[in-house]
Amino acid sequence: MKQGCDKQYLGAVEAWVSPKGMRERYLARTGERAYCFVALWDSQESLVAARPLMIEHLNSVRDLLEELSPELGVTDPVSGLVVHTVKG
């Protein structure tokens, strides 16, 4: 996150409408100006179908983000299946 852009970024994340199939979403602050976004999906297909909308959202906030590296750009995206969960 670029210096002084946290409020604008958080506002954009809060205003973003979750794509179809996204059940839950979380944003964790992982450092002074670093965040990690996690979403739970109905299916792998829902995730794949929503990628264009997620890229569109990323493009709308890209100017607020610092480049992580020339190879990664401003994000380090990963996805996978939930292999363990505990409730309560």
PDB file of N, CA and C in Angstrom:
ATOM      1  N   MET A   1       0.841  -1.162   0.000  1.00  0.00           N
ATOM      2  CA  MET A   1       0.000   0.000   0.000  1.00  0.00           C
ATOM      3  C   MET A   1       0.893   1.234   0.000  1.00  0.00           C
ATOM      4  N   LYS A   2       0.599   2.161  -0.877  1.00  0.00           N
ATOM      5  CA  LYS A   2       1.350   3.411  -0.877  1.00  0.00           C
ATOM      6  C   LYS A   2       1.005   4.211   0.375  1.00  0.00           C
ATOM      7  N   GLN A   3       1.980   4.965   0.841  1.00  0.00           N
ATOM      8  CA  GLN A   3       1.810   5.799   2.026  1.00  0.00           C
ATOM      9  C   GLN A   3       0.579   6.686   1.873  1.00  0.00           C
ATOM     10  N   GLY A   4      -0.289   6.694   2.894  1.00  0.00           N
ATOM     11  CA  GLY A   4      -1.449   7.571   2.915  1.00  0.00           C
ATOM     12  C   GLY A   4      -2.645   7.099   2.106  1.00  0.00           C
ATOM     13  N   CYS A   5      -2.603   5.898   1.556  1.00  0.00           N
ATOM     14  CA  CYS A   5      -3.695   5.411   0.701  1.00  0.00           C
ATOM     15  C   CYS A   5      -4.602   4.388   1.375  1.00  0.00           C
ATOM     16  N   ASP A   6      -4.343   4.079   2.649  1.00  0.00           N
ATOM     17  CA  ASP A   6      -5.117   3.040   3.329  1.00  0.00           C
ATOM     18  C   ASP A   6      -6.619   3.321   3.329  1.00  0.00           C
ATOM     19  N   LYS A   7      -7.018   4.522   3.724  1.00  0.00           N
ATOM     20  CA  LYS A   7      -8.451   4.840   3.814  1.00  0.00           C
ATOM     21  C   LYS A   7      -9.136   4.695   2.464  1.00  0.00           C
ATOM     22  N   GLN A   8      -8.508   5.189   1.432  1.00  0.00           N
ATOM     23  CA  GLN A   8      -9.093   5.104   0.094  1.00  0.00           C
ATOM     24  C   GLN A   8      -9.213   3.644  -0.342  1.00  0.00           C
ATOM     25  N   TYR A   9      -8.187   2.843  -0.064  1.00  0.00           N
ATOM     26  CA  TYR A   9      -8.213   1.424  -0.416  1.00  0.00           C
ATOM     27  C   TYR A   9      -9.307   0.690   0.356  1.00  0.00           C
ATOM     28  N   LEU A  10      -9.363   0.905   1.664  1.00  0.00           N
ATOM     29  CA  LEU A  10     -10.377   0.230   2.473  1.00  0.00           C
ATOM     30  C   LEU A  10     -11.783   0.626   2.045  1.00  0.00           C
ATOM     31  N   GLY A  11     -11.974   1.877   1.676  1.00  0.00           N
ATOM     32  CA  GLY A  11     -13.273   2.316   1.169  1.00  0.00           C
ATOM     33  C   GLY A  11     -13.655   1.599  -0.111  1.00  0.00           C
ATOM     34  N   ALA A  12     -12.689   1.420  -0.998  1.00  0.00           N
ATOM     35  CA  ALA A  12     -12.955   0.719  -2.258  1.00  0.00           C
ATOM     36  C   ALA A  12     -13.275  -0.748  -2.013  1.00  0.00           C
ATOM     37  N   VAL A  13     -12.589  -1.367  -1.064  1.00  0.00           N
ATOM     38  CA  VAL A  13     -12.855  -2.773  -0.740  1.00  0.00           C
ATOM     39  C   VAL A  13     -14.246  -2.917  -0.128  1.00  0.00           C
ATOM     40  N   GLU A  14     -14.610  -2.020   0.773  1.00  0.00           N
ATOM     41  CA  GLU A  14     -15.928  -2.079   1.408  1.00  0.00           C
ATOM     42  C   GLU A  14     -17.048  -1.843   0.404  1.00  0.00           C
ATOM     43  N   ALA A  15     -16.823  -0.985  -0.578  1.00  0.00           N
ATOM     44  CA  ALA A  15     -17.854  -0.661  -1.566  1.00  0.00           C
ATOM     45  C   ALA A  15     -17.999  -1.724  -2.651  1.00  0.00           C
ATOM     46  N   TRP A  16     -16.982  -2.553  -2.832  1.00  0.00           N
ATOM     47  CA  TRP A  16     -16.994  -3.558  -3.897  1.00  0.00           C
ATOM     48  C   TRP A  16     -18.075  -4.591  -3.631  1.00  0.00           C
ATOM     49  N   VAL A  17     -18.856  -4.892  -4.633  1.00  0.00           N
ATOM     50  CA  VAL A  17     -19.914  -5.896  -4.529  1.00  0.00           C
ATOM     51  C   VAL A  17     -19.307  -7.266  -4.833  1.00  0.00           C
ATOM     52  N   SER A  18     -19.507  -8.208  -3.925  1.00  0.00           N
ATOM     53  CA  SER A  18     -18.948  -9.552  -4.113  1.00  0.00           C
ATOM     54  C   SER A  18     -19.515 -10.199  -5.369  1.00  0.00           C
ATOM     55  N   PRO A  19     -18.671 -10.839  -6.160  1.00  0.00           N
ATOM     56  CA  PRO A  19     -19.150 -11.545  -7.347  1.00  0.00           C
ATOM     57  C   PRO A  19     -20.029 -12.737  -6.962  1.00  0.00           C
ATOM     58  N   LYS A  20     -20.851 -13.162  -7.897  1.00  0.00           N
ATOM     59  CA  LYS A  20     -21.707 -14.327  -7.693  1.00  0.00           C
ATOM     60  C   LYS A  20     -20.833 -15.527  -7.322  1.00  0.00           C
ATOM     61  N   GLY A  21     -21.234 -16.248  -6.292  1.00  0.00           N
ATOM     62  CA  GLY A  21     -20.500 -17.430  -5.865  1.00  0.00           C
ATOM     63  C   GLY A  21     -19.519 -17.188  -4.739  1.00  0.00           C
ATOM     64  N   MET A  22     -19.221 -15.915  -4.422  1.00  0.00           N
ATOM     65  CA  MET A  22     -18.327 -15.609  -3.302  1.00  0.00           C
ATOM     66  C   MET A  22     -19.173 -15.618  -2.029  1.00  0.00           C
ATOM     67  N   ARG A  23     -18.935 -16.587  -1.163  1.00  0.00           N
ATOM     68  CA  ARG A  23     -19.731 -16.738   0.056  1.00  0.00           C
ATOM     69  C   ARG A  23     -19.298 -15.784   1.156  1.00  0.00           C
ATOM     70  N   GLU A  24     -18.005 -15.683   1.365  1.00  0.00           N
ATOM     71  CA  GLU A  24     -17.464 -14.840   2.428  1.00  0.00           C
ATOM     72  C   GLU A  24     -16.172 -14.217   1.934  1.00  0.00           C
ATOM     73  N   ARG A  25     -15.853 -13.055   2.485  1.00  0.00           N
ATOM     74  CA  ARG A  25     -14.568 -12.436   2.163  1.00  0.00           C
ATOM     75  C   ARG A  25     -14.020 -11.760   3.406  1.00  0.00           C
ATOM     76  N   TYR A  26     -12.715 -11.795   3.509  1.00  0.00           N
ATOM     77  CA  TYR A  26     -12.016 -11.256   4.668  1.00  0.00           C
ATOM     78  C   TYR A  26     -10.828 -10.440   4.179  1.00  0.00           C
ATOM     79  N   LEU A  27     -10.522  -9.392   4.915  1.00  0.00           N
ATOM     80  CA  LEU A  27      -9.329  -8.605   4.635  1.00  0.00           C
ATOM     81  C   LEU A  27      -8.550  -8.502   5.937  1.00  0.00           C
ATOM     82  N   ALA A  28      -7.355  -9.049   5.958  1.00  0.00           N
ATOM     83  CA  ALA A  28      -6.507  -9.018   7.148  1.00  0.00           C
ATOM     84  C   ALA A  28      -5.382  -8.017   6.941  1.00  0.00           C
ATOM     85  N   ARG A  29      -5.128  -7.229   7.957  1.00  0.00           N
ATOM     86  CA  ARG A  29      -3.973  -6.329   7.918  1.00  0.00           C
ATOM     87  C   ARG A  29      -2.765  -7.140   8.374  1.00  0.00           C
ATOM     88  N   THR A  30      -1.779  -7.270   7.513  1.00  0.00           N
ATOM     89  CA  THR A  30      -0.626  -8.127   7.798  1.00  0.00           C
ATOM     90  C   THR A  30       0.658  -7.346   8.057  1.00  0.00           C
ATOM     91  N   GLY A  31       0.581  -6.045   7.979  1.00  0.00           N
ATOM     92  CA  GLY A  31       1.741  -5.190   8.214  1.00  0.00           C
ATOM     93  C   GLY A  31       1.299  -3.746   8.260  1.00  0.00           C
ATOM     94  N   GLU A  32       2.255  -2.845   8.400  1.00  0.00           N
ATOM     95  CA  GLU A  32       1.929  -1.419   8.508  1.00  0.00           C
ATOM     96  C   GLU A  32       1.102  -0.937   7.321  1.00  0.00           C
ATOM     97  N   ARG A  33       1.471  -1.359   6.121  1.00  0.00           N
ATOM     98  CA  ARG A  33       0.729  -0.984   4.915  1.00  0.00           C
ATOM     99  C   ARG A  33       0.537  -2.207   4.020  1.00  0.00           C
ATOM    100  N   ALA A  34       0.228  -3.337   4.652  1.00  0.00           N
ATOM    101  CA  ALA A  34       0.075  -4.589   3.903  1.00  0.00           C
ATOM    102  C   ALA A  34      -1.219  -5.289   4.313  1.00  0.00           C
ATOM    103  N   TYR A  35      -1.902  -5.867   3.332  1.00  0.00           N
ATOM    104  CA  TYR A  35      -3.174  -6.546   3.563  1.00  0.00           C
ATOM    105  C   TYR A  35      -3.195  -7.875   2.821  1.00  0.00           C
ATOM    106  N   CYS A  36      -4.014  -8.792   3.336  1.00  0.00           N
ATOM    107  CA  CYS A  36      -4.227 -10.083   2.688  1.00  0.00           C
ATOM    108  C   CYS A  36      -5.730 -10.289   2.541  1.00  0.00           C
ATOM    109  N   PHE A  37      -6.180 -10.491   1.318  1.00  0.00           N
ATOM    110  CA  PHE A  37      -7.599 -10.716   1.020  1.00  0.00           C
ATOM    111  C   PHE A  37      -7.828 -12.208   0.863  1.00  0.00           C
ATOM    112  N   VAL A  38      -8.840 -12.731   1.565  1.00  0.00           N
ATOM    113  CA  VAL A  38      -9.208 -14.145   1.482  1.00  0.00           C
ATOM    114  C   VAL A  38     -10.696 -14.225   1.195  1.00  0.00           C
ATOM    115  N   ALA A  39     -11.071 -15.084   0.261  1.00  0.00           N
ATOM    116  CA  ALA A  39     -12.489 -15.276  -0.061  1.00  0.00           C
ATOM    117  C   ALA A  39     -12.808 -16.763  -0.079  1.00  0.00           C
ATOM    118  N   LEU A  40     -14.013 -17.085   0.332  1.00  0.00           N
ATOM    119  CA  LEU A  40     -14.520 -18.453   0.239  1.00  0.00           C
ATOM    120  C   LEU A  40     -15.566 -18.489  -0.865  1.00  0.00           C
ATOM    121  N   TRP A  41     -15.494 -19.516  -1.685  1.00  0.00           N
ATOM    122  CA  TRP A  41     -16.324 -19.617  -2.880  1.00  0.00           C
ATOM    123  C   TRP A  41     -17.228 -20.836  -2.831  1.00  0.00           C
ATOM    124  N   ASP A  42     -18.354 -20.753  -3.539  1.00  0.00           N
ATOM    125  CA  ASP A  42     -19.261 -21.893  -3.669  1.00  0.00           C
ATOM    126  C   ASP A  42     -18.582 -23.048  -4.395  1.00  0.00           C
ATOM    127  N   SER A  43     -17.747 -22.710  -5.372  1.00  0.00           N
ATOM    128  CA  SER A  43     -17.091 -23.745  -6.179  1.00  0.00           C
ATOM    129  C   SER A  43     -15.877 -23.151  -6.882  1.00  0.00           C
ATOM    130  N   GLN A  44     -15.027 -24.026  -7.374  1.00  0.00           N
ATOM    131  CA  GLN A  44     -13.877 -23.610  -8.179  1.00  0.00           C
ATOM    132  C   GLN A  44     -14.360 -22.886  -9.435  1.00  0.00           C
ATOM    133  N   GLU A  45     -15.464 -23.348  -9.990  1.00  0.00           N
ATOM    134  CA  GLU A  45     -16.024 -22.733 -11.196  1.00  0.00           C
ATOM    135  C   GLU A  45     -16.466 -21.296 -10.931  1.00  0.00           C
ATOM    136  N   SER A  46     -17.040 -21.049  -9.741  1.00  0.00           N
ATOM    137  CA  SER A  46     -17.442 -19.683  -9.376  1.00  0.00           C
ATOM    138  C   SER A  46     -16.233 -18.756  -9.314  1.00  0.00           C
ATOM    139  N   LEU A  47     -15.150 -19.263  -8.747  1.00  0.00           N
ATOM    140  CA  LEU A  47     -13.914 -18.483  -8.672  1.00  0.00           C
ATOM    141  C   LEU A  47     -13.404 -18.143 -10.061  1.00  0.00           C
ATOM    142  N   VAL A  48     -13.337 -19.129 -10.925  1.00  0.00           N
ATOM    143  CA  VAL A  48     -12.843 -18.911 -12.289  1.00  0.00           C
ATOM    144  C   VAL A  48     -13.731 -17.904 -13.017  1.00  0.00           C
ATOM    145  N   ALA A  49     -15.040 -18.048 -12.874  1.00  0.00           N
ATOM    146  CA  ALA A  49     -15.974 -17.142 -13.555  1.00  0.00           C
ATOM    147  C   ALA A  49     -15.846 -15.703 -13.054  1.00  0.00           C
ATOM    148  N   ALA A  50     -15.447 -15.527 -11.802  1.00  0.00           N
ATOM    149  CA  ALA A  50     -15.358 -14.188 -11.207  1.00  0.00           C
ATOM    150  C   ALA A  50     -14.021 -13.496 -11.459  1.00  0.00           C
ATOM    151  N   ARG A  51     -13.065 -14.188 -12.013  1.00  0.00           N
ATOM    152  CA  ARG A  51     -11.736 -13.576 -12.209  1.00  0.00           C
ATOM    153  C   ARG A  51     -11.777 -12.255 -12.968  1.00  0.00           C
ATOM    154  N   PRO A  52     -12.544 -12.130 -14.054  1.00  0.00           N
ATOM    155  CA  PRO A  52     -12.586 -10.828 -14.738  1.00  0.00           C
ATOM    156  C   PRO A  52     -13.065  -9.693 -13.825  1.00  0.00           C
ATOM    157  N   LEU A  53     -14.049  -9.959 -12.958  1.00  0.00           N
ATOM    158  CA  LEU A  53     -14.531  -8.931 -12.033  1.00  0.00           C
ATOM    159  C   LEU A  53     -13.482  -8.604 -10.973  1.00  0.00           C
ATOM    160  N   MET A  54     -12.745  -9.608 -10.531  1.00  0.00           N
ATOM    161  CA  MET A  54     -11.692  -9.362  -9.547  1.00  0.00           C
ATOM    162  C   MET A  54     -10.554  -8.561 -10.165  1.00  0.00           C
ATOM    163  N   ILE A  55     -10.220  -8.850 -11.405  1.00  0.00           N
ATOM    164  CA  ILE A  55      -9.183  -8.084 -12.105  1.00  0.00           C
ATOM    165  C   ILE A  55      -9.644  -6.645 -12.310  1.00  0.00           C
ATOM    166  N   GLU A  56     -10.910  -6.468 -12.644  1.00  0.00           N
ATOM    167  CA  GLU A  56     -11.472  -5.120 -12.804  1.00  0.00           C
ATOM    168  C   GLU A  56     -11.356  -4.342 -11.494  1.00  0.00           C
ATOM    169  N   HIS A  57     -11.681  -4.997 -10.379  1.00  0.00           N
ATOM    170  CA  HIS A  57     -11.561  -4.346  -9.067  1.00  0.00           C
ATOM    171  C   HIS A  57     -10.101  -3.999  -8.773  1.00  0.00           C
ATOM    172  N   LEU A  58      -9.207  -4.936  -9.017  1.00  0.00           N
ATOM    173  CA  LEU A  58      -7.782  -4.679  -8.805  1.00  0.00           C
ATOM    174  C   LEU A  58      -7.323  -3.485  -9.634  1.00  0.00           C
ATOM    175  N   ASN A  59      -7.736  -3.426 -10.871  1.00  0.00           N
ATOM    176  CA  ASN A  59      -7.349  -2.304 -11.728  1.00  0.00           C
ATOM    177  C   ASN A  59      -7.855  -0.976 -11.180  1.00  0.00           C
ATOM    178  N   SER A  60      -9.002  -0.996 -10.484  1.00  0.00           N
ATOM    179  CA  SER A  60      -9.560   0.245  -9.935  1.00  0.00           C
ATOM    180  C   SER A  60      -8.775   0.757  -8.724  1.00  0.00           C
ATOM    181  N   VAL A  61      -8.004  -0.117  -8.067  1.00  0.00           N
ATOM    182  CA  VAL A  61      -7.220   0.305  -6.898  1.00  0.00           C
ATOM    183  C   VAL A  61      -5.714   0.190  -7.130  1.00  0.00           C
ATOM    184  N   ARG A  62      -5.325  -0.221  -8.309  1.00  0.00           N
ATOM    185  CA  ARG A  62      -3.907  -0.476  -8.613  1.00  0.00           C
ATOM    186  C   ARG A  62      -3.016   0.725  -8.284  1.00  0.00           C
ATOM    187  N   ASP A  63      -3.483   1.941  -8.549  1.00  0.00           N
ATOM    188  CA  ASP A  63      -2.673   3.141  -8.296  1.00  0.00           C
ATOM    189  C   ASP A  63      -2.409   3.373  -6.809  1.00  0.00           C
ATOM    190  N   LEU A  64      -3.167   2.701  -5.936  1.00  0.00           N
ATOM    191  CA  LEU A  64      -2.992   2.854  -4.493  1.00  0.00           C
ATOM    192  C   LEU A  64      -1.956   1.884  -3.932  1.00  0.00           C
ATOM    193  N   LEU A  65      -1.578   0.894  -4.726  1.00  0.00           N
ATOM    194  CA  LEU A  65      -0.736  -0.197  -4.251  1.00  0.00           C
ATOM    195  C   LEU A  65       0.721  -0.021  -4.662  1.00  0.00           C
ATOM    196  N   GLU A  66       1.617  -0.469  -3.800  1.00  0.00           N
ATOM    197  CA  GLU A  66       3.044  -0.455  -4.113  1.00  0.00           C
ATOM    198  C   GLU A  66       3.414  -1.731  -4.848  1.00  0.00           C
ATOM    199  N   GLU A  67       4.347  -1.617  -5.758  1.00  0.00           N
ATOM    200  CA  GLU A  67       4.841  -2.795  -6.458  1.00  0.00           C
ATOM    201  C   GLU A  67       5.609  -3.680  -5.477  1.00  0.00           C
ATOM    202  N   LEU A  68       5.264  -4.963  -5.438  1.00  0.00           N
ATOM    203  CA  LEU A  68       5.970  -5.916  -4.581  1.00  0.00           C
ATOM    204  C   LEU A  68       7.321  -6.271  -5.173  1.00  0.00           C
ATOM    205  N   SER A  69       7.328  -6.494  -6.486  1.00  0.00           N
ATOM    206  CA  SER A  69       8.558  -6.777  -7.225  1.00  0.00           C
ATOM    207  C   SER A  69       8.233  -6.651  -8.706  1.00  0.00           C
ATOM    208  N   PRO A  70       9.249  -6.520  -9.556  1.00  0.00           N
ATOM    209  CA  PRO A  70       8.980  -6.453 -10.997  1.00  0.00           C
ATOM    210  C   PRO A  70       8.284  -7.718 -11.517  1.00  0.00           C
ATOM    211  N   GLU A  71       8.585  -8.864 -10.902  1.00  0.00           N
ATOM    212  CA  GLU A  71       7.974 -10.116 -11.346  1.00  0.00           C
ATOM    213  C   GLU A  71       6.509 -10.226 -10.915  1.00  0.00           C
ATOM    214  N   LEU A  72       6.196  -9.808  -9.676  1.00  0.00           N
ATOM    215  CA  LEU A  72       4.846  -9.954  -9.134  1.00  0.00           C
ATOM    216  C   LEU A  72       3.934  -8.786  -9.473  1.00  0.00           C
ATOM    217  N   GLY A  73       4.465  -7.614  -9.587  1.00  0.00           N
ATOM    218  CA  GLY A  73       3.620  -6.433  -9.727  1.00  0.00           C
ATOM    219  C   GLY A  73       3.116  -6.011  -8.354  1.00  0.00           C
ATOM    220  N   VAL A  74       1.807  -5.715  -8.233  1.00  0.00           N
ATOM    221  CA  VAL A  74       1.255  -5.209  -6.970  1.00  0.00           C
ATOM    222  C   VAL A  74       0.556  -6.279  -6.143  1.00  0.00           C
ATOM    223  N   THR A  75       0.461  -7.511  -6.656  1.00  0.00           N
ATOM    224  CA  THR A  75      -0.189  -8.587  -5.904  1.00  0.00           C
ATOM    225  C   THR A  75       0.625  -9.871  -5.991  1.00  0.00           C
ATOM    226  N   ASP A  76       0.324 -10.777  -5.084  1.00  0.00           N
ATOM    227  CA  ASP A  76       0.917 -12.117  -5.090  1.00  0.00           C
ATOM    228  C   ASP A  76      -0.237 -13.115  -4.966  1.00  0.00           C
ATOM    229  N   PRO A  77      -1.026 -13.281  -6.038  1.00  0.00           N
ATOM    230  CA  PRO A  77      -2.256 -14.076  -5.938  1.00  0.00           C
ATOM    231  C   PRO A  77      -1.992 -15.576  -5.860  1.00  0.00           C
ATOM    232  N   VAL A  78      -2.795 -16.232  -5.032  1.00  0.00           N
ATOM    233  CA  VAL A  78      -2.789 -17.690  -4.919  1.00  0.00           C
ATOM    234  C   VAL A  78      -4.229 -18.142  -4.711  1.00  0.00           C
ATOM    235  N   SER A  79      -4.509 -19.396  -5.015  1.00  0.00           N
ATOM    236  CA  SER A  79      -5.815 -19.970  -4.704  1.00  0.00           C
ATOM    237  C   SER A  79      -5.635 -21.446  -4.430  1.00  0.00           C
ATOM    238  N   GLY A  80      -6.593 -22.020  -3.740  1.00  0.00           N
ATOM    239  CA  GLY A  80      -6.531 -23.438  -3.422  1.00  0.00           C
ATOM    240  C   GLY A  80      -7.775 -23.873  -2.684  1.00  0.00           C
ATOM    241  N   LEU A  81      -7.842 -25.143  -2.414  1.00  0.00           N
ATOM    242  CA  LEU A  81      -8.982 -25.721  -1.722  1.00  0.00           C
ATOM    243  C   LEU A  81      -8.763 -25.676  -0.213  1.00  0.00           C
ATOM    244  N   VAL A  82      -9.833 -25.463   0.544  1.00  0.00           N
ATOM    245  CA  VAL A  82      -9.762 -25.509   2.002  1.00  0.00           C
ATOM    246  C   VAL A  82      -9.517 -26.957   2.407  1.00  0.00           C
ATOM    247  N   VAL A  83      -8.485 -27.185   3.208  1.00  0.00           N
ATOM    248  CA  VAL A  83      -8.156 -28.550   3.625  1.00  0.00           C
ATOM    249  C   VAL A  83      -8.408 -28.786   5.113  1.00  0.00           C
ATOM    250  N   HIS A  84      -8.701 -27.719   5.866  1.00  0.00           N
ATOM    251  CA  HIS A  84      -9.000 -27.876   7.290  1.00  0.00           C
ATOM    252  C   HIS A  84      -9.820 -26.684   7.754  1.00  0.00           C
ATOM    253  N   THR A  85     -10.805 -26.935   8.570  1.00  0.00           N
ATOM    254  CA  THR A  85     -11.601 -25.854   9.133  1.00  0.00           C
ATOM    255  C   THR A  85     -12.053 -26.229  10.538  1.00  0.00           C
ATOM    256  N   VAL A  86     -12.149 -25.240  11.402  1.00  0.00           N
ATOM    257  CA  VAL A  86     -12.666 -25.412  12.756  1.00  0.00           C
ATOM    258  C   VAL A  86     -13.625 -24.265  13.006  1.00  0.00           C
ATOM    259  N   LYS A  87     -14.813 -24.555  13.472  1.00  0.00           N
ATOM    260  CA  LYS A  87     -15.775 -23.507  13.810  1.00  0.00           C
ATOM    261  C   LYS A  87     -15.986 -23.518  15.314  1.00  0.00           C
ATOM    262  N   GLY A  88     -16.059 -22.302  15.874  1.00  0.00           N
ATOM    263  CA  GLY A  88     -16.357 -22.190  17.290  1.00  0.00           C
ATOM    264  C   GLY A  88     -15.190 -22.138  18.196  1.00  0.00           C
TER     265      GLY A  88
END
